[in-house]
Amino acid sequence: MQDPKITMPELALLVVTRVALGFGIGLLVSRAMNNDERKAAGIALTVMGGITTIPLAIKFARQRRGTEHQMAPSAAA
């Protein structure tokens, strides 16, 4: 099985979404700010990180599935 190719911009986007998700979760469990500010920032970052991950996951799954189909032997051969 061949690994899908990931470009540097895609990798950077993936890293940024993971950081936003982690930072948002960290804000939700921390006590650094007052409750209203902390919850608003934490929820916003968590939602943004989670939502932006979905298209990336779909893209990488399709890319991986495409490489597996290309490598499968054809029935006509």
PDB file of N, CA and C in Angstrom:
ATOM      1  N   MET A   1       0.841  -1.179   0.000  1.00  0.00           N
ATOM      2  CA  MET A   1       0.000   0.000   0.000  1.00  0.00           C
ATOM      3  C   MET A   1       0.883   1.239   0.000  1.00  0.00           C
ATOM      4  N   GLN A   2       0.531   2.183  -0.845  1.00  0.00           N
ATOM      5  CA  GLN A   2       1.295   3.420  -0.980  1.00  0.00           C
ATOM      6  C   GLN A   2       0.666   4.512  -0.123  1.00  0.00           C
ATOM      7  N   ASP A   3       1.501   5.297   0.579  1.00  0.00           N
ATOM      8  CA  ASP A   3       0.999   6.388   1.400  1.00  0.00           C
ATOM      9  C   ASP A   3       0.541   7.532   0.512  1.00  0.00           C
ATOM     10  N   PRO A   4      -0.558   8.201   0.900  1.00  0.00           N
ATOM     11  CA  PRO A   4      -1.004   9.352   0.107  1.00  0.00           C
ATOM     12  C   PRO A   4      -0.004  10.495   0.215  1.00  0.00           C
ATOM     13  N   LYS A   5       0.105  11.269  -0.833  1.00  0.00           N
ATOM     14  CA  LYS A   5       1.007  12.417  -0.840  1.00  0.00           C
ATOM     15  C   LYS A   5       0.330  13.594  -0.155  1.00  0.00           C
ATOM     16  N   ILE A   6       1.032  14.223   0.778  1.00  0.00           N
ATOM     17  CA  ILE A   6       0.519  15.391   1.478  1.00  0.00           C
ATOM     18  C   ILE A   6       1.449  16.553   1.175  1.00  0.00           C
ATOM     19  N   THR A   7       0.884  17.628   0.651  1.00  0.00           N
ATOM     20  CA  THR A   7       1.694  18.802   0.334  1.00  0.00           C
ATOM     21  C   THR A   7       1.951  19.602   1.611  1.00  0.00           C
ATOM     22  N   MET A   8       2.924  20.500   1.555  1.00  0.00           N
ATOM     23  CA  MET A   8       3.247  21.326   2.717  1.00  0.00           C
ATOM     24  C   MET A   8       2.074  22.207   3.141  1.00  0.00           C
ATOM     25  N   PRO A   9       1.340  22.848   2.224  1.00  0.00           N
ATOM     26  CA  PRO A   9       0.181  23.630   2.663  1.00  0.00           C
ATOM     27  C   PRO A   9      -0.884  22.775   3.352  1.00  0.00           C
ATOM     28  N   GLU A  10      -1.108  21.561   2.851  1.00  0.00           N
ATOM     29  CA  GLU A  10      -2.074  20.664   3.490  1.00  0.00           C
ATOM     30  C   GLU A  10      -1.600  20.259   4.878  1.00  0.00           C
ATOM     31  N   LEU A  11      -0.322  19.975   5.015  1.00  0.00           N
ATOM     32  CA  LEU A  11       0.237  19.615   6.312  1.00  0.00           C
ATOM     33  C   LEU A  11       0.133  20.783   7.285  1.00  0.00           C
ATOM     34  N   ALA A  12       0.426  21.984   6.814  1.00  0.00           N
ATOM     35  CA  ALA A  12       0.323  23.172   7.671  1.00  0.00           C
ATOM     36  C   ALA A  12      -1.118  23.384   8.122  1.00  0.00           C
ATOM     37  N   LEU A  13      -2.068  23.220   7.211  1.00  0.00           N
ATOM     38  CA  LEU A  13      -3.474  23.368   7.557  1.00  0.00           C
ATOM     39  C   LEU A  13      -3.902  22.321   8.582  1.00  0.00           C
ATOM     40  N   LEU A  14      -3.443  21.112   8.410  1.00  0.00           N
ATOM     41  CA  LEU A  14      -3.751  20.042   9.346  1.00  0.00           C
ATOM     42  C   LEU A  14      -3.188  20.357  10.728  1.00  0.00           C
ATOM     43  N   VAL A  15      -1.963  20.849  10.787  1.00  0.00           N
ATOM     44  CA  VAL A  15      -1.345  21.198  12.064  1.00  0.00           C
ATOM     45  C   VAL A  15      -2.085  22.350  12.734  1.00  0.00           C
ATOM     46  N   VAL A  16      -2.448  23.364  11.960  1.00  0.00           N
ATOM     47  CA  VAL A  16      -3.146  24.522  12.527  1.00  0.00           C
ATOM     48  C   VAL A  16      -4.502  24.107  13.099  1.00  0.00           C
ATOM     49  N   THR A  17      -5.226  23.232  12.410  1.00  0.00           N
ATOM     50  CA  THR A  17      -6.524  22.802  12.929  1.00  0.00           C
ATOM     51  C   THR A  17      -6.361  21.993  14.208  1.00  0.00           C
ATOM     52  N   ARG A  18      -5.336  21.162  14.279  1.00  0.00           N
ATOM     53  CA  ARG A  18      -5.088  20.381  15.496  1.00  0.00           C
ATOM     54  C   ARG A  18      -4.705  21.302  16.655  1.00  0.00           C
ATOM     55  N   VAL A  19      -3.915  22.324  16.382  1.00  0.00           N
ATOM     56  CA  VAL A  19      -3.519  23.279  17.424  1.00  0.00           C
ATOM     57  C   VAL A  19      -4.739  24.045  17.930  1.00  0.00           C
ATOM     58  N   ALA A  20      -5.588  24.500  17.031  1.00  0.00           N
ATOM     59  CA  ALA A  20      -6.786  25.234  17.433  1.00  0.00           C
ATOM     60  C   ALA A  20      -7.702  24.354  18.276  1.00  0.00           C
ATOM     61  N   LEU A  21      -7.869  23.121  17.875  1.00  0.00           N
ATOM     62  CA  LEU A  21      -8.706  22.200  18.627  1.00  0.00           C
ATOM     63  C   LEU A  21      -8.130  21.956  20.020  1.00  0.00           C
ATOM     64  N   GLY A  22      -6.839  21.688  20.091  1.00  0.00           N
ATOM     65  CA  GLY A  22      -6.191  21.456  21.380  1.00  0.00           C
ATOM     66  C   GLY A  22      -6.207  22.679  22.275  1.00  0.00           C
ATOM     67  N   PHE A  23      -5.950  23.838  21.708  1.00  0.00           N
ATOM     68  CA  PHE A  23      -5.948  25.073  22.483  1.00  0.00           C
ATOM     69  C   PHE A  23      -7.356  25.377  23.003  1.00  0.00           C
ATOM     70  N   GLY A  24      -8.355  25.144  22.170  1.00  0.00           N
ATOM     71  CA  GLY A  24      -9.741  25.363  22.594  1.00  0.00           C
ATOM     72  C   GLY A  24     -10.126  24.454  23.747  1.00  0.00           C
ATOM     73  N   ILE A  25      -9.756  23.193  23.661  1.00  0.00           N
ATOM     74  CA  ILE A  25     -10.039  22.259  24.747  1.00  0.00           C
ATOM     75  C   ILE A  25      -9.276  22.671  26.006  1.00  0.00           C
ATOM     76  N   GLY A  26      -8.032  23.113  25.822  1.00  0.00           N
ATOM     77  CA  GLY A  26      -7.244  23.585  26.960  1.00  0.00           C
ATOM     78  C   GLY A  26      -7.889  24.775  27.656  1.00  0.00           C
ATOM     79  N   LEU A  27      -8.431  25.707  26.879  1.00  0.00           N
ATOM     80  CA  LEU A  27      -9.121  26.850  27.473  1.00  0.00           C
ATOM     81  C   LEU A  27     -10.373  26.427  28.229  1.00  0.00           C
ATOM     82  N   LEU A  28     -11.052  25.438  27.709  1.00  0.00           N
ATOM     83  CA  LEU A  28     -12.268  24.985  28.371  1.00  0.00           C
ATOM     84  C   LEU A  28     -11.979  24.370  29.739  1.00  0.00           C
ATOM     85  N   VAL A  29     -10.826  23.755  29.906  1.00  0.00           N
ATOM     86  CA  VAL A  29     -10.513  23.111  31.182  1.00  0.00           C
ATOM     87  C   VAL A  29      -9.620  23.965  32.082  1.00  0.00           C
ATOM     88  N   SER A  30      -9.148  25.101  31.604  1.00  0.00           N
ATOM     89  CA  SER A  30      -8.249  25.931  32.412  1.00  0.00           C
ATOM     90  C   SER A  30      -9.022  26.912  33.279  1.00  0.00           C
ATOM     91  N   ARG A  31      -8.296  27.588  34.136  1.00  0.00           N
ATOM     92  CA  ARG A  31      -8.877  28.607  35.011  1.00  0.00           C
ATOM     93  C   ARG A  31      -8.161  29.946  34.807  1.00  0.00           C
ATOM     94  N   ALA A  32      -7.551  30.196  33.645  1.00  0.00           N
ATOM     95  CA  ALA A  32      -6.742  31.386  33.404  1.00  0.00           C
ATOM     96  C   ALA A  32      -7.578  32.657  33.229  1.00  0.00           C
ATOM     97  N   MET A  33      -8.797  32.542  32.720  1.00  0.00           N
ATOM     98  CA  MET A  33      -9.657  33.708  32.475  1.00  0.00           C
ATOM     99  C   MET A  33     -10.939  33.537  33.273  1.00  0.00           C
ATOM    100  N   ASN A  34     -11.771  34.582  33.236  1.00  0.00           N
ATOM    101  CA  ASN A  34     -13.067  34.400  33.891  1.00  0.00           C
ATOM    102  C   ASN A  34     -13.910  33.437  33.058  1.00  0.00           C
ATOM    103  N   ASN A  35     -14.933  32.898  33.660  1.00  0.00           N
ATOM    104  CA  ASN A  35     -15.701  31.818  33.031  1.00  0.00           C
ATOM    105  C   ASN A  35     -16.296  32.176  31.676  1.00  0.00           C
ATOM    106  N   ASP A  36     -16.875  33.369  31.545  1.00  0.00           N
ATOM    107  CA  ASP A  36     -17.517  33.731  30.279  1.00  0.00           C
ATOM    108  C   ASP A  36     -16.509  33.851  29.139  1.00  0.00           C
ATOM    109  N   GLU A  37     -15.382  34.517  29.383  1.00  0.00           N
ATOM    110  CA  GLU A  37     -14.346  34.663  28.344  1.00  0.00           C
ATOM    111  C   GLU A  37     -13.751  33.311  27.979  1.00  0.00           C
ATOM    112  N   ARG A  38     -13.454  32.527  28.981  1.00  0.00           N
ATOM    113  CA  ARG A  38     -12.826  31.221  28.772  1.00  0.00           C
ATOM    114  C   ARG A  38     -13.745  30.309  27.974  1.00  0.00           C
ATOM    115  N   LYS A  39     -14.997  30.249  28.342  1.00  0.00           N
ATOM    116  CA  LYS A  39     -15.937  29.384  27.632  1.00  0.00           C
ATOM    117  C   LYS A  39     -16.142  29.840  26.191  1.00  0.00           C
ATOM    118  N   ALA A  40     -16.276  31.140  25.980  1.00  0.00           N
ATOM    119  CA  ALA A  40     -16.488  31.646  24.619  1.00  0.00           C
ATOM    120  C   ALA A  40     -15.296  31.325  23.725  1.00  0.00           C
ATOM    121  N   ALA A  41     -14.093  31.604  24.210  1.00  0.00           N
ATOM    122  CA  ALA A  41     -12.893  31.334  23.413  1.00  0.00           C
ATOM    123  C   ALA A  41     -12.690  29.835  23.221  1.00  0.00           C
ATOM    124  N   GLY A  42     -12.882  29.072  24.266  1.00  0.00           N
ATOM    125  CA  GLY A  42     -12.695  27.624  24.173  1.00  0.00           C
ATOM    126  C   GLY A  42     -13.662  26.963  23.222  1.00  0.00           C
ATOM    127  N   ILE A  43     -14.912  27.340  23.297  1.00  0.00           N
ATOM    128  CA  ILE A  43     -15.914  26.754  22.404  1.00  0.00           C
ATOM    129  C   ILE A  43     -15.654  27.168  20.960  1.00  0.00           C
ATOM    130  N   ALA A  44     -15.320  28.431  20.743  1.00  0.00           N
ATOM    131  CA  ALA A  44     -15.045  28.898  19.383  1.00  0.00           C
ATOM    132  C   ALA A  44     -13.864  28.152  18.769  1.00  0.00           C
ATOM    133  N   LEU A  45     -12.771  28.016  19.504  1.00  0.00           N
ATOM    134  CA  LEU A  45     -11.599  27.325  18.969  1.00  0.00           C
ATOM    135  C   LEU A  45     -11.854  25.832  18.784  1.00  0.00           C
ATOM    136  N   THR A  46     -12.569  25.218  19.696  1.00  0.00           N
ATOM    137  CA  THR A  46     -12.868  23.795  19.575  1.00  0.00           C
ATOM    138  C   THR A  46     -13.746  23.526  18.364  1.00  0.00           C
ATOM    139  N   VAL A  47     -14.788  24.325  18.186  1.00  0.00           N
ATOM    140  CA  VAL A  47     -15.684  24.152  17.040  1.00  0.00           C
ATOM    141  C   VAL A  47     -14.942  24.406  15.729  1.00  0.00           C
ATOM    142  N   MET A  48     -14.161  25.488  15.689  1.00  0.00           N
ATOM    143  CA  MET A  48     -13.412  25.809  14.479  1.00  0.00           C
ATOM    144  C   MET A  48     -12.413  24.686  14.149  1.00  0.00           C
ATOM    145  N   GLY A  49     -11.704  24.203  15.139  1.00  0.00           N
ATOM    146  CA  GLY A  49     -10.746  23.124  14.903  1.00  0.00           C
ATOM    147  C   GLY A  49     -11.418  21.850  14.448  1.00  0.00           C
ATOM    148  N   GLY A  50     -12.548  21.523  15.058  1.00  0.00           N
ATOM    149  CA  GLY A  50     -13.273  20.309  14.671  1.00  0.00           C
ATOM    150  C   GLY A  50     -13.882  20.397  13.289  1.00  0.00           C
ATOM    151  N   ILE A  51     -14.510  21.531  12.985  1.00  0.00           N
ATOM    152  CA  ILE A  51     -15.178  21.691  11.685  1.00  0.00           C
ATOM    153  C   ILE A  51     -14.173  21.731  10.536  1.00  0.00           C
ATOM    154  N   THR A  52     -13.051  22.385  10.726  1.00  0.00           N
ATOM    155  CA  THR A  52     -12.074  22.461   9.635  1.00  0.00           C
ATOM    156  C   THR A  52     -11.332  21.146   9.442  1.00  0.00           C
ATOM    157  N   THR A  53     -11.402  20.250  10.399  1.00  0.00           N
ATOM    158  CA  THR A  53     -10.766  18.946  10.245  1.00  0.00           C
ATOM    159  C   THR A  53     -11.572  18.034   9.329  1.00  0.00           C
ATOM    160  N   ILE A  54     -12.882  18.188   9.302  1.00  0.00           N
ATOM    161  CA  ILE A  54     -13.747  17.291   8.534  1.00  0.00           C
ATOM    162  C   ILE A  54     -13.406  17.293   7.039  1.00  0.00           C
ATOM    163  N   PRO A  55     -13.296  18.446   6.358  1.00  0.00           N
ATOM    164  CA  PRO A  55     -12.944  18.399   4.928  1.00  0.00           C
ATOM    165  C   PRO A  55     -11.558  17.791   4.682  1.00  0.00           C
ATOM    166  N   LEU A  56     -10.625  18.043   5.591  1.00  0.00           N
ATOM    167  CA  LEU A  56      -9.293  17.454   5.431  1.00  0.00           C
ATOM    168  C   LEU A  56      -9.351  15.940   5.552  1.00  0.00           C
ATOM    169  N   ALA A  57     -10.087  15.442   6.513  1.00  0.00           N
ATOM    170  CA  ALA A  57     -10.214  13.993   6.691  1.00  0.00           C
ATOM    171  C   ALA A  57     -10.859  13.344   5.471  1.00  0.00           C
ATOM    172  N   ILE A  58     -11.883  13.988   4.935  1.00  0.00           N
ATOM    173  CA  ILE A  58     -12.548  13.459   3.738  1.00  0.00           C
ATOM    174  C   ILE A  58     -11.580  13.444   2.558  1.00  0.00           C
ATOM    175  N   LYS A  59     -10.824  14.514   2.384  1.00  0.00           N
ATOM    176  CA  LYS A  59      -9.869  14.603   1.279  1.00  0.00           C
ATOM    177  C   LYS A  59      -8.817  13.507   1.373  1.00  0.00           C
ATOM    178  N   PHE A  60      -8.251  13.312   2.571  1.00  0.00           N
ATOM    179  CA  PHE A  60      -7.219  12.302   2.736  1.00  0.00           C
ATOM    180  C   PHE A  60      -7.785  10.890   2.591  1.00  0.00           C
ATOM    181  N   ALA A  61      -9.020  10.667   3.040  1.00  0.00           N
ATOM    182  CA  ALA A  61      -9.643   9.355   2.869  1.00  0.00           C
ATOM    183  C   ALA A  61      -9.874   9.055   1.395  1.00  0.00           C
ATOM    184  N   ARG A  62     -10.358  10.045   0.650  1.00  0.00           N
ATOM    185  CA  ARG A  62     -10.566   9.847  -0.792  1.00  0.00           C
ATOM    186  C   ARG A  62      -9.247   9.619  -1.511  1.00  0.00           C
ATOM    187  N   GLN A  63      -8.235  10.377  -1.106  1.00  0.00           N
ATOM    188  CA  GLN A  63      -6.922  10.231  -1.731  1.00  0.00           C
ATOM    189  C   GLN A  63      -6.364   8.834  -1.468  1.00  0.00           C
ATOM    190  N   ARG A  64      -6.524   8.347  -0.261  1.00  0.00           N
ATOM    191  CA  ARG A  64      -6.020   7.019   0.092  1.00  0.00           C
ATOM    192  C   ARG A  64      -6.797   5.940  -0.656  1.00  0.00           C
ATOM    193  N   ARG A  65      -8.119   6.099  -0.729  1.00  0.00           N
ATOM    194  CA  ARG A  65      -8.939   5.136  -1.442  1.00  0.00           C
ATOM    195  C   ARG A  65      -8.587   5.118  -2.925  1.00  0.00           C
ATOM    196  N   GLY A  66      -8.257   6.273  -3.494  1.00  0.00           N
ATOM    197  CA  GLY A  66      -7.875   6.359  -4.897  1.00  0.00           C
ATOM    198  C   GLY A  66      -6.586   5.625  -5.191  1.00  0.00           C
ATOM    199  N   THR A  67      -5.608   5.698  -4.282  1.00  0.00           N
ATOM    200  CA  THR A  67      -4.347   4.993  -4.503  1.00  0.00           C
ATOM    201  C   THR A  67      -4.533   3.494  -4.371  1.00  0.00           C
ATOM    202  N   GLU A  68      -5.461   3.050  -3.494  1.00  0.00           N
ATOM    203  CA  GLU A  68      -5.710   1.618  -3.352  1.00  0.00           C
ATOM    204  C   GLU A  68      -6.387   1.071  -4.604  1.00  0.00           C
ATOM    205  N   HIS A  69      -7.323   1.845  -5.194  1.00  0.00           N
ATOM    206  CA  HIS A  69      -7.996   1.397  -6.408  1.00  0.00           C
ATOM    207  C   HIS A  69      -7.023   1.333  -7.580  1.00  0.00           C
ATOM    208  N   GLN A  70      -6.089   2.258  -7.662  1.00  0.00           N
ATOM    209  CA  GLN A  70      -5.124   2.266  -8.746  1.00  0.00           C
ATOM    210  C   GLN A  70      -4.186   1.076  -8.655  1.00  0.00           C
ATOM    211  N   MET A  71      -3.912   0.605  -7.448  1.00  0.00           N
ATOM    212  CA  MET A  71      -2.970  -0.494  -7.261  1.00  0.00           C
ATOM    213  C   MET A  71      -3.636  -1.865  -7.400  1.00  0.00           C
ATOM    214  N   ALA A  72      -4.962  -1.933  -7.357  1.00  0.00           N
ATOM    215  CA  ALA A  72      -5.675  -3.205  -7.438  1.00  0.00           C
ATOM    216  C   ALA A  72      -5.531  -3.784  -8.841  1.00  0.00           C
ATOM    217  N   PRO A  73      -5.335  -5.104  -8.937  1.00  0.00           N
ATOM    218  CA  PRO A  73      -5.234  -5.703 -10.265  1.00  0.00           C
ATOM    219  C   PRO A  73      -6.578  -5.671 -10.966  1.00  0.00           C
ATOM    220  N   SER A  74      -6.569  -5.437 -12.260  1.00  0.00           N
ATOM    221  CA  SER A  74      -7.820  -5.344 -13.000  1.00  0.00           C
ATOM    222  C   SER A  74      -8.312  -6.757 -13.366  1.00  0.00           C
ATOM    223  N   ALA A  75      -9.620  -6.904 -13.481  1.00  0.00           N
ATOM    224  CA  ALA A  75     -10.211  -8.201 -13.801  1.00  0.00           C
ATOM    225  C   ALA A  75     -10.018  -8.527 -15.274  1.00  0.00           C
ATOM    226  N   ALA A  76      -9.832  -7.517 -16.114  1.00  0.00           N
ATOM    227  CA  ALA A  76      -9.693  -7.732 -17.558  1.00  0.00           C
ATOM    228  C   ALA A  76      -8.328  -8.294 -17.917  1.00  0.00           C
ATOM    229  N   ALA A  77      -7.346  -8.130 -17.056  1.00  0.00           N
ATOM    230  CA  ALA A  77      -5.976  -8.548 -17.405  1.00  0.00           C
ATOM    231  C   ALA A  77      -5.785 -10.025 -17.327  1.00  0.00           C
TER     232      ALA A  77
END
